[in-house]
């Protein structure tokens, strides 16, 4: 399978580091007046994704809809937004996510 070969050629460690950098950037710039980190702050405990939530379940659901309207793909799981960037995501994608979170 060509996609698997591509990922193996890039390297699992490279992908892990890339994804971790993007999540770290998001966490560092998270608008804490509007959102809270719902995942561990420690990257080792967190893994390659992070969850954030607004100040209430209703606001989190509304924020999810705003993100979808802006074509920012996240998951809404148990009252939190799961952000899981991958190799194809860039810092520009994180900028767009943060711009919507700050609205």
PDB file of N, CA and C in Angstrom:
ATOM      1  N   UNK A   1       0.848  -1.185   0.000  1.00  0.00           N
ATOM      2  CA  UNK A   1       0.000   0.000   0.000  1.00  0.00           C
ATOM      3  C   UNK A   1       0.889   1.242   0.000  1.00  0.00           C
ATOM      4  N   UNK A   2       0.661   2.124  -0.952  1.00  0.00           N
ATOM      5  CA  UNK A   2       1.518   3.299  -1.144  1.00  0.00           C
ATOM      6  C   UNK A   2       1.498   4.243   0.048  1.00  0.00           C
ATOM      7  N   UNK A   3       0.334   4.412   0.680  1.00  0.00           N
ATOM      8  CA  UNK A   3       0.268   5.343   1.812  1.00  0.00           C
ATOM      9  C   UNK A   3       1.088   4.837   2.989  1.00  0.00           C
ATOM     10  N   UNK A   4       1.040   3.546   3.244  1.00  0.00           N
ATOM     11  CA  UNK A   4       1.836   2.976   4.332  1.00  0.00           C
ATOM     12  C   UNK A   4       3.324   3.099   4.024  1.00  0.00           C
ATOM     13  N   UNK A   5       3.694   2.833   2.793  1.00  0.00           N
ATOM     14  CA  UNK A   5       5.094   2.978   2.394  1.00  0.00           C
ATOM     15  C   UNK A   5       5.569   4.413   2.583  1.00  0.00           C
ATOM     16  N   UNK A   6       4.720   5.373   2.234  1.00  0.00           N
ATOM     17  CA  UNK A   6       5.075   6.784   2.409  1.00  0.00           C
ATOM     18  C   UNK A   6       5.315   7.102   3.882  1.00  0.00           C
ATOM     19  N   UNK A   7       4.395   6.676   4.749  1.00  0.00           N
ATOM     20  CA  UNK A   7       4.536   6.951   6.182  1.00  0.00           C
ATOM     21  C   UNK A   7       5.791   6.308   6.748  1.00  0.00           C
ATOM     22  N   UNK A   8       6.083   5.104   6.326  1.00  0.00           N
ATOM     23  CA  UNK A   8       7.294   4.434   6.806  1.00  0.00           C
ATOM     24  C   UNK A   8       8.547   5.120   6.282  1.00  0.00           C
ATOM     25  N   UNK A   9       8.480   5.633   5.067  1.00  0.00           N
ATOM     26  CA  UNK A   9       9.631   6.351   4.504  1.00  0.00           C
ATOM     27  C   UNK A   9       9.883   7.649   5.274  1.00  0.00           C
ATOM     28  N   UNK A  10       8.815   8.360   5.611  1.00  0.00           N
ATOM     29  CA  UNK A  10       8.959   9.588   6.403  1.00  0.00           C
ATOM     30  C   UNK A  10       9.500   9.241   7.783  1.00  0.00           C
ATOM     31  N   UNK A  11       8.958   8.189   8.365  1.00  0.00           N
ATOM     32  CA  UNK A  11       9.429   7.726   9.669  1.00  0.00           C
ATOM     33  C   UNK A  11       8.451   8.048  10.782  1.00  0.00           C
ATOM     34  N   UNK A  12       8.154   7.039  11.565  1.00  0.00           N
ATOM     35  CA  UNK A  12       7.207   7.182  12.665  1.00  0.00           C
ATOM     36  C   UNK A  12       7.683   8.239  13.657  1.00  0.00           C
ATOM     37  N   UNK A  13       8.966   8.250  13.968  1.00  0.00           N
ATOM     38  CA  UNK A  13       9.494   9.231  14.924  1.00  0.00           C
ATOM     39  C   UNK A  13       9.350  10.657  14.390  1.00  0.00           C
ATOM     40  N   UNK A  14       9.616  10.854  13.117  1.00  0.00           N
ATOM     41  CA  UNK A  14       9.468  12.180  12.507  1.00  0.00           C
ATOM     42  C   UNK A  14       8.019  12.644  12.576  1.00  0.00           C
ATOM     43  N   UNK A  15       7.104  11.738  12.275  1.00  0.00           N
ATOM     44  CA  UNK A  15       5.681  12.076  12.328  1.00  0.00           C
ATOM     45  C   UNK A  15       5.269  12.402  13.754  1.00  0.00           C
ATOM     46  N   UNK A  16       5.709  11.593  14.724  1.00  0.00           N
ATOM     47  CA  UNK A  16       5.396  11.819  16.141  1.00  0.00           C
ATOM     48  C   UNK A  16       5.885  13.203  16.577  1.00  0.00           C
ATOM     49  N   UNK A  17       7.110  13.545  16.210  1.00  0.00           N
ATOM     50  CA  UNK A  17       7.669  14.846  16.584  1.00  0.00           C
ATOM     51  C   UNK A  17       6.898  15.988  15.921  1.00  0.00           C
ATOM     52  N   UNK A  18       6.560  15.839  14.665  1.00  0.00           N
ATOM     53  CA  UNK A  18       5.793  16.863  13.947  1.00  0.00           C
ATOM     54  C   UNK A  18       4.451  17.099  14.628  1.00  0.00           C
ATOM     55  N   UNK A  19       3.728  16.023  14.878  1.00  0.00           N
ATOM     56  CA  UNK A  19       2.415  16.132  15.522  1.00  0.00           C
ATOM     57  C   UNK A  19       2.544  16.755  16.908  1.00  0.00           C
ATOM     58  N   UNK A  20       3.555  16.344  17.654  1.00  0.00           N
ATOM     59  CA  UNK A  20       3.781  16.889  18.995  1.00  0.00           C
ATOM     60  C   UNK A  20       4.094  18.377  18.976  1.00  0.00           C
ATOM     61  N   UNK A  21       4.859  18.818  17.976  1.00  0.00           N
ATOM     62  CA  UNK A  21       5.161  20.254  17.848  1.00  0.00           C
ATOM     63  C   UNK A  21       3.882  21.049  17.605  1.00  0.00           C
ATOM     64  N   UNK A  22       3.029  20.537  16.733  1.00  0.00           N
ATOM     65  CA  UNK A  22       1.783  21.251  16.445  1.00  0.00           C
ATOM     66  C   UNK A  22       0.891  21.329  17.678  1.00  0.00           C
ATOM     67  N   UNK A  23       0.760  20.239  18.413  1.00  0.00           N
ATOM     68  CA  UNK A  23      -0.056  20.250  19.631  1.00  0.00           C
ATOM     69  C   UNK A  23       0.575  21.170  20.667  1.00  0.00           C
ATOM     70  N   UNK A  24       1.890  21.129  20.796  1.00  0.00           N
ATOM     71  CA  UNK A  24       2.573  22.019  21.733  1.00  0.00           C
ATOM     72  C   UNK A  24       2.332  23.482  21.407  1.00  0.00           C
ATOM     73  N   UNK A  25       2.354  23.810  20.123  1.00  0.00           N
ATOM     74  CA  UNK A  25       2.078  25.183  19.681  1.00  0.00           C
ATOM     75  C   UNK A  25       0.647  25.577  20.031  1.00  0.00           C
ATOM     76  N   UNK A  26      -0.287  24.671  19.797  1.00  0.00           N
ATOM     77  CA  UNK A  26      -1.680  24.965  20.119  1.00  0.00           C
ATOM     78  C   UNK A  26      -1.843  25.212  21.617  1.00  0.00           C
ATOM     79  N   UNK A  27      -1.252  24.357  22.425  1.00  0.00           N
ATOM     80  CA  UNK A  27      -1.380  24.496  23.879  1.00  0.00           C
ATOM     81  C   UNK A  27      -0.742  25.798  24.354  1.00  0.00           C
ATOM     82  N   UNK A  28       0.418  26.132  23.816  1.00  0.00           N
ATOM     83  CA  UNK A  28       1.115  27.353  24.225  1.00  0.00           C
ATOM     84  C   UNK A  28       0.307  28.604  23.909  1.00  0.00           C
ATOM     85  N   UNK A  29      -0.497  28.552  22.863  1.00  0.00           N
ATOM     86  CA  UNK A  29      -1.243  29.735  22.420  1.00  0.00           C
ATOM     87  C   UNK A  29      -2.741  29.640  22.702  1.00  0.00           C
ATOM     88  N   UNK A  30      -3.164  28.654  23.446  1.00  0.00           N
ATOM     89  CA  UNK A  30      -4.583  28.450  23.735  1.00  0.00           C
ATOM     90  C   UNK A  30      -5.166  29.672  24.439  1.00  0.00           C
ATOM     91  N   UNK A  31      -6.278  30.228  23.940  1.00  0.00           N
ATOM     92  CA  UNK A  31      -6.891  31.394  24.592  1.00  0.00           C
ATOM     93  C   UNK A  31      -7.582  30.969  25.897  1.00  0.00           C
ATOM     94  N   UNK A  32      -6.845  31.043  26.988  1.00  0.00           N
ATOM     95  CA  UNK A  32      -7.318  30.518  28.270  1.00  0.00           C
ATOM     96  C   UNK A  32      -8.500  31.286  28.845  1.00  0.00           C
ATOM     97  N   UNK A  33      -8.785  32.458  28.306  1.00  0.00           N
ATOM     98  CA  UNK A  33      -9.980  33.176  28.745  1.00  0.00           C
ATOM     99  C   UNK A  33     -11.245  32.559  28.142  1.00  0.00           C
ATOM    100  N   UNK A  34     -11.087  31.713  27.135  1.00  0.00           N
ATOM    101  CA  UNK A  34     -12.231  31.102  26.458  1.00  0.00           C
ATOM    102  C   UNK A  34     -12.232  29.577  26.529  1.00  0.00           C
ATOM    103  N   UNK A  35     -11.059  28.983  26.725  1.00  0.00           N
ATOM    104  CA  UNK A  35     -10.926  27.524  26.684  1.00  0.00           C
ATOM    105  C   UNK A  35     -10.027  27.036  27.815  1.00  0.00           C
ATOM    106  N   UNK A  36     -10.173  25.757  28.114  1.00  0.00           N
ATOM    107  CA  UNK A  36      -9.276  25.110  29.069  1.00  0.00           C
ATOM    108  C   UNK A  36      -8.719  23.851  28.414  1.00  0.00           C
ATOM    109  N   UNK A  37      -7.521  23.502  28.798  1.00  0.00           N
ATOM    110  CA  UNK A  37      -6.921  22.262  28.337  1.00  0.00           C
ATOM    111  C   UNK A  37      -7.567  21.117  29.106  1.00  0.00           C
ATOM    112  N   UNK A  38      -8.110  20.144  28.401  1.00  0.00           N
ATOM    113  CA  UNK A  38      -8.777  19.007  29.034  1.00  0.00           C
ATOM    114  C   UNK A  38      -7.943  17.736  28.903  1.00  0.00           C
ATOM    115  N   UNK A  39      -6.677  17.895  28.588  1.00  0.00           N
ATOM    116  CA  UNK A  39      -5.717  16.797  28.476  1.00  0.00           C
ATOM    117  C   UNK A  39      -4.555  17.088  29.406  1.00  0.00           C
ATOM    118  N   UNK A  40      -3.758  16.085  29.713  1.00  0.00           N
ATOM    119  CA  UNK A  40      -2.562  16.352  30.518  1.00  0.00           C
ATOM    120  C   UNK A  40      -1.646  17.362  29.824  1.00  0.00           C
ATOM    121  N   UNK A  41      -1.026  18.215  30.592  1.00  0.00           N
ATOM    122  CA  UNK A  41      -0.082  19.171  30.033  1.00  0.00           C
ATOM    123  C   UNK A  41       1.226  18.522  29.630  1.00  0.00           C
ATOM    124  N   UNK A  42       1.587  17.451  30.312  1.00  0.00           N
ATOM    125  CA  UNK A  42       2.832  16.736  30.039  1.00  0.00           C
ATOM    126  C   UNK A  42       2.713  15.979  28.713  1.00  0.00           C
ATOM    127  N   UNK A  43       3.579  16.269  27.744  1.00  0.00           N
ATOM    128  CA  UNK A  43       3.489  15.613  26.440  1.00  0.00           C
ATOM    129  C   UNK A  43       3.582  14.088  26.509  1.00  0.00           C
ATOM    130  N   UNK A  44       4.331  13.561  27.445  1.00  0.00           N
ATOM    131  CA  UNK A  44       4.458  12.107  27.568  1.00  0.00           C
ATOM    132  C   UNK A  44       3.127  11.491  27.990  1.00  0.00           C
ATOM    133  N   UNK A  45       2.432  12.139  28.909  1.00  0.00           N
ATOM    134  CA  UNK A  45       1.140  11.635  29.382  1.00  0.00           C
ATOM    135  C   UNK A  45       0.028  11.906  28.374  1.00  0.00           C
ATOM    136  N   UNK A  46       0.191  12.925  27.555  1.00  0.00           N
ATOM    137  CA  UNK A  46      -0.853  13.363  26.635  1.00  0.00           C
ATOM    138  C   UNK A  46      -0.871  12.546  25.354  1.00  0.00           C
ATOM    139  N   UNK A  47       0.259  12.255  24.800  1.00  0.00           N
ATOM    140  CA  UNK A  47       0.303  11.598  23.503  1.00  0.00           C
ATOM    141  C   UNK A  47       0.250  12.609  22.373  1.00  0.00           C
ATOM    142  N   UNK A  48      -0.083  12.161  21.160  1.00  0.00           N
ATOM    143  CA  UNK A  48      -0.001  13.026  19.982  1.00  0.00           C
ATOM    144  C   UNK A  48      -1.250  13.857  19.705  1.00  0.00           C
ATOM    145  N   UNK A  49      -2.103  14.004  20.671  1.00  0.00           N
ATOM    146  CA  UNK A  49      -3.301  14.825  20.499  1.00  0.00           C
ATOM    147  C   UNK A  49      -3.603  15.526  21.811  1.00  0.00           C
ATOM    148  N   UNK A  50      -4.562  16.441  21.775  1.00  0.00           N
ATOM    149  CA  UNK A  50      -4.979  17.134  22.996  1.00  0.00           C
ATOM    150  C   UNK A  50      -6.463  17.433  22.905  1.00  0.00           C
ATOM    151  N   UNK A  51      -7.075  17.570  24.063  1.00  0.00           N
ATOM    152  CA  UNK A  51      -8.486  17.935  24.136  1.00  0.00           C
ATOM    153  C   UNK A  51      -8.603  19.284  24.828  1.00  0.00           C
ATOM    154  N   UNK A  52      -9.501  20.099  24.309  1.00  0.00           N
ATOM    155  CA  UNK A  52      -9.793  21.398  24.906  1.00  0.00           C
ATOM    156  C   UNK A  52     -11.300  21.517  25.061  1.00  0.00           C
ATOM    157  N   UNK A  53     -11.700  22.360  25.976  1.00  0.00           N
ATOM    158  CA  UNK A  53     -13.130  22.585  26.199  1.00  0.00           C
ATOM    159  C   UNK A  53     -13.357  24.057  26.472  1.00  0.00           C
ATOM    160  N   UNK A  54     -14.545  24.516  26.123  1.00  0.00           N
ATOM    161  CA  UNK A  54     -14.960  25.869  26.487  1.00  0.00           C
ATOM    162  C   UNK A  54     -15.389  25.833  27.953  1.00  0.00           C
ATOM    163  N   UNK A  55     -15.917  26.928  28.441  1.00  0.00           N
ATOM    164  CA  UNK A  55     -16.256  27.031  29.867  1.00  0.00           C
ATOM    165  C   UNK A  55     -17.534  26.293  30.255  1.00  0.00           C
ATOM    166  N   UNK A  56     -18.270  25.759  29.268  1.00  0.00           N
ATOM    167  CA  UNK A  56     -19.459  24.955  29.556  1.00  0.00           C
ATOM    168  C   UNK A  56     -19.661  23.976  28.408  1.00  0.00           C
ATOM    169  N   UNK A  57     -20.454  22.942  28.654  1.00  0.00           N
ATOM    170  CA  UNK A  57     -20.728  21.956  27.607  1.00  0.00           C
ATOM    171  C   UNK A  57     -21.431  22.600  26.417  1.00  0.00           C
ATOM    172  N   UNK A  58     -22.342  23.533  26.698  1.00  0.00           N
ATOM    173  CA  UNK A  58     -23.056  24.208  25.619  1.00  0.00           C
ATOM    174  C   UNK A  58     -22.109  25.045  24.768  1.00  0.00           C
ATOM    175  N   UNK A  59     -21.196  25.749  25.421  1.00  0.00           N
ATOM    176  CA  UNK A  59     -20.235  26.572  24.683  1.00  0.00           C
ATOM    177  C   UNK A  59     -19.264  25.697  23.890  1.00  0.00           C
ATOM    178  N   UNK A  60     -18.917  24.544  24.439  1.00  0.00           N
ATOM    179  CA  UNK A  60     -18.040  23.625  23.716  1.00  0.00           C
ATOM    180  C   UNK A  60     -18.736  23.114  22.459  1.00  0.00           C
ATOM    181  N   UNK A  61     -20.012  22.749  22.575  1.00  0.00           N
ATOM    182  CA  UNK A  61     -20.773  22.280  21.410  1.00  0.00           C
ATOM    183  C   UNK A  61     -20.897  23.384  20.361  1.00  0.00           C
ATOM    184  N   UNK A  62     -21.132  24.614  20.801  1.00  0.00           N
ATOM    185  CA  UNK A  62     -21.226  25.741  19.871  1.00  0.00           C
ATOM    186  C   UNK A  62     -19.877  25.992  19.190  1.00  0.00           C
ATOM    187  N   UNK A  63     -18.810  25.874  19.947  1.00  0.00           N
ATOM    188  CA  UNK A  63     -17.475  26.054  19.396  1.00  0.00           C
ATOM    189  C   UNK A  63     -17.173  24.972  18.361  1.00  0.00           C
ATOM    190  N   UNK A  64     -17.605  23.761  18.634  1.00  0.00           N
ATOM    191  CA  UNK A  64     -17.445  22.669  17.671  1.00  0.00           C
ATOM    192  C   UNK A  64     -18.112  23.036  16.344  1.00  0.00           C
ATOM    193  N   UNK A  65     -19.315  23.575  16.412  1.00  0.00           N
ATOM    194  CA  UNK A  65     -20.031  23.960  15.194  1.00  0.00           C
ATOM    195  C   UNK A  65     -19.302  25.085  14.454  1.00  0.00           C
ATOM    196  N   UNK A  66     -18.757  26.054  15.194  1.00  0.00           N
ATOM    197  CA  UNK A  66     -17.986  27.137  14.563  1.00  0.00           C
ATOM    198  C   UNK A  66     -16.759  26.581  13.844  1.00  0.00           C
ATOM    199  N   UNK A  67     -16.084  25.644  14.486  1.00  0.00           N
ATOM    200  CA  UNK A  67     -14.906  25.035  13.871  1.00  0.00           C
ATOM    201  C   UNK A  67     -15.290  24.292  12.595  1.00  0.00           C
ATOM    202  N   UNK A  68     -16.377  23.546  12.639  1.00  0.00           N
ATOM    203  CA  UNK A  68     -16.837  22.816  11.452  1.00  0.00           C
ATOM    204  C   UNK A  68     -17.164  23.795  10.316  1.00  0.00           C
ATOM    205  N   UNK A  69     -17.831  24.901  10.658  1.00  0.00           N
ATOM    206  CA  UNK A  69     -18.177  25.899   9.638  1.00  0.00           C
ATOM    207  C   UNK A  69     -16.929  26.522   9.021  1.00  0.00           C
ATOM    208  N   UNK A  70     -15.854  26.592   9.802  1.00  0.00           N
ATOM    209  CA  UNK A  70     -14.590  27.143   9.310  1.00  0.00           C
ATOM    210  C   UNK A  70     -13.706  26.062   8.669  1.00  0.00           C
ATOM    211  N   UNK A  71     -14.271  24.867   8.485  1.00  0.00           N
ATOM    212  CA  UNK A  71     -13.539  23.728   7.907  1.00  0.00           C
ATOM    213  C   UNK A  71     -12.331  23.312   8.731  1.00  0.00           C
ATOM    214  N   UNK A  72     -12.434  23.468  10.035  1.00  0.00           N
ATOM    215  CA  UNK A  72     -11.422  22.968  10.962  1.00  0.00           C
ATOM    216  C   UNK A  72     -11.986  21.678  11.543  1.00  0.00           C
ATOM    217  N   UNK A  73     -11.329  20.572  11.252  1.00  0.00           N
ATOM    218  CA  UNK A  73     -11.867  19.271  11.628  1.00  0.00           C
ATOM    219  C   UNK A  73     -11.301  18.843  12.980  1.00  0.00           C
ATOM    220  N   UNK A  74     -12.196  18.730  13.941  1.00  0.00           N
ATOM    221  CA  UNK A  74     -11.896  18.201  15.271  1.00  0.00           C
ATOM    222  C   UNK A  74     -13.029  17.239  15.624  1.00  0.00           C
ATOM    223  N   UNK A  75     -12.872  16.500  16.712  1.00  0.00           N
ATOM    224  CA  UNK A  75     -13.935  15.611  17.194  1.00  0.00           C
ATOM    225  C   UNK A  75     -14.518  16.194  18.461  1.00  0.00           C
ATOM    226  N   UNK A  76     -15.799  16.018  18.638  1.00  0.00           N
ATOM    227  CA  UNK A  76     -16.453  16.382  19.897  1.00  0.00           C
ATOM    228  C   UNK A  76     -16.670  15.082  20.657  1.00  0.00           C
ATOM    229  N   UNK A  77     -15.941  14.929  21.770  1.00  0.00           N
ATOM    230  CA  UNK A  77     -15.998  13.688  22.539  1.00  0.00           C
ATOM    231  C   UNK A  77     -16.147  13.993  24.021  1.00  0.00           C
ATOM    232  N   UNK A  78     -17.225  13.515  24.577  1.00  0.00           N
ATOM    233  CA  UNK A  78     -17.470  13.639  26.012  1.00  0.00           C
ATOM    234  C   UNK A  78     -17.285  15.066  26.514  1.00  0.00           C
ATOM    235  N   UNK A  79     -17.819  16.029  25.776  1.00  0.00           N
ATOM    236  CA  UNK A  79     -17.789  17.416  26.200  1.00  0.00           C
ATOM    237  C   UNK A  79     -16.499  18.157  25.944  1.00  0.00           C
ATOM    238  N   UNK A  80     -15.606  17.575  25.153  1.00  0.00           N
ATOM    239  CA  UNK A  80     -14.338  18.236  24.836  1.00  0.00           C
ATOM    240  C   UNK A  80     -14.053  18.095  23.342  1.00  0.00           C
ATOM    241  N   UNK A  81     -13.256  19.004  22.839  1.00  0.00           N
ATOM    242  CA  UNK A  81     -12.838  18.981  21.443  1.00  0.00           C
ATOM    243  C   UNK A  81     -11.497  18.273  21.355  1.00  0.00           C
ATOM    244  N   UNK A  82     -11.445  17.194  20.604  1.00  0.00           N
ATOM    245  CA  UNK A  82     -10.202  16.439  20.435  1.00  0.00           C
ATOM    246  C   UNK A  82      -9.506  16.952  19.181  1.00  0.00           C
ATOM    247  N   UNK A  83      -8.295  17.447  19.372  1.00  0.00           N
ATOM    248  CA  UNK A  83      -7.478  17.973  18.277  1.00  0.00           C
ATOM    249  C   UNK A  83      -6.348  16.977  18.048  1.00  0.00           C
ATOM    250  N   UNK A  84      -6.305  16.409  16.854  1.00  0.00           N
ATOM    251  CA  UNK A  84      -5.318  15.366  16.561  1.00  0.00           C
ATOM    252  C   UNK A  84      -4.672  15.624  15.196  1.00  0.00           C
ATOM    253  N   UNK A  85      -3.719  16.552  15.151  1.00  0.00           N
ATOM    254  CA  UNK A  85      -3.070  16.833  13.868  1.00  0.00           C
ATOM    255  C   UNK A  85      -2.227  15.645  13.415  1.00  0.00           C
ATOM    256  N   UNK A  86      -1.938  15.629  12.135  1.00  0.00           N
ATOM    257  CA  UNK A  86      -1.086  14.572  11.599  1.00  0.00           C
ATOM    258  C   UNK A  86      -0.115  15.186  10.604  1.00  0.00           C
ATOM    259  N   UNK A  87       0.562  14.352   9.901  1.00  0.00           N
ATOM    260  CA  UNK A  87       1.643  14.765   9.012  1.00  0.00           C
ATOM    261  C   UNK A  87       1.208  15.825   8.005  1.00  0.00           C
ATOM    262  N   UNK A  88      -0.016  15.742   7.532  1.00  0.00           N
ATOM    263  CA  UNK A  88      -0.509  16.665   6.506  1.00  0.00           C
ATOM    264  C   UNK A  88      -0.928  18.014   7.076  1.00  0.00           C
ATOM    265  N   UNK A  89      -0.955  18.164   8.401  1.00  0.00           N
ATOM    266  CA  UNK A  89      -1.312  19.449   9.010  1.00  0.00           C
ATOM    267  C   UNK A  89      -0.079  20.322   9.166  1.00  0.00           C
ATOM    268  N   UNK A  90      -0.325  21.640   9.192  1.00  0.00           N
ATOM    269  CA  UNK A  90       0.761  22.613   9.290  1.00  0.00           C
ATOM    270  C   UNK A  90       0.471  23.607  10.411  1.00  0.00           C
ATOM    271  N   UNK A  91       1.439  24.477  10.659  1.00  0.00           N
ATOM    272  CA  UNK A  91       1.237  25.546  11.641  1.00  0.00           C
ATOM    273  C   UNK A  91       0.082  26.451  11.221  1.00  0.00           C
ATOM    274  N   UNK A  92      -0.122  26.611   9.943  1.00  0.00           N
ATOM    275  CA  UNK A  92      -1.242  27.420   9.453  1.00  0.00           C
ATOM    276  C   UNK A  92      -2.578  26.813   9.899  1.00  0.00           C
ATOM    277  N   UNK A  93      -2.663  25.498   9.918  1.00  0.00           N
ATOM    278  CA  UNK A  93      -3.880  24.841  10.412  1.00  0.00           C
ATOM    279  C   UNK A  93      -4.097  25.145  11.893  1.00  0.00           C
ATOM    280  N   UNK A  94      -3.020  25.147  12.664  1.00  0.00           N
ATOM    281  CA  UNK A  94      -3.125  25.480  14.092  1.00  0.00           C
ATOM    282  C   UNK A  94      -3.521  26.944  14.245  1.00  0.00           C
ATOM    283  N   UNK A  95      -2.966  27.821  13.415  1.00  0.00           N
ATOM    284  CA  UNK A  95      -3.360  29.237  13.443  1.00  0.00           C
ATOM    285  C   UNK A  95      -4.856  29.394  13.201  1.00  0.00           C
ATOM    286  N   UNK A  96      -5.375  28.666  12.218  1.00  0.00           N
ATOM    287  CA  UNK A  96      -6.800  28.751  11.900  1.00  0.00           C
ATOM    288  C   UNK A  96      -7.640  28.234  13.067  1.00  0.00           C
ATOM    289  N   UNK A  97      -7.242  27.129  13.654  1.00  0.00           N
ATOM    290  CA  UNK A  97      -7.937  26.584  14.825  1.00  0.00           C
ATOM    291  C   UNK A  97      -7.967  27.606  15.954  1.00  0.00           C
ATOM    292  N   UNK A  98      -6.822  28.193  16.251  1.00  0.00           N
ATOM    293  CA  UNK A  98      -6.735  29.158  17.349  1.00  0.00           C
ATOM    294  C   UNK A  98      -7.532  30.421  17.056  1.00  0.00           C
ATOM    295  N   UNK A  99      -7.584  30.829  15.805  1.00  0.00           N
ATOM    296  CA  UNK A  99      -8.377  32.011  15.448  1.00  0.00           C
ATOM    297  C   UNK A  99      -9.852  31.777  15.750  1.00  0.00           C
ATOM    298  N   UNK A 100     -10.350  30.590  15.452  1.00  0.00           N
ATOM    299  CA  UNK A 100     -11.753  30.285  15.745  1.00  0.00           C
ATOM    300  C   UNK A 100     -11.961  30.156  17.249  1.00  0.00           C
ATOM    301  N   UNK A 101     -11.033  29.534  17.954  1.00  0.00           N
ATOM    302  CA  UNK A 101     -11.163  29.399  19.409  1.00  0.00           C
ATOM    303  C   UNK A 101     -11.207  30.758  20.097  1.00  0.00           C
ATOM    304  N   UNK A 102     -10.533  31.739  19.530  1.00  0.00           N
ATOM    305  CA  UNK A 102     -10.458  33.064  20.147  1.00  0.00           C
ATOM    306  C   UNK A 102     -11.696  33.919  19.896  1.00  0.00           C
ATOM    307  N   UNK A 103     -12.588  33.495  19.003  1.00  0.00           N
ATOM    308  CA  UNK A 103     -13.785  34.292  18.682  1.00  0.00           C
ATOM    309  C   UNK A 103     -14.756  34.349  19.839  1.00  0.00           C
TER     310      UNK A 103
END
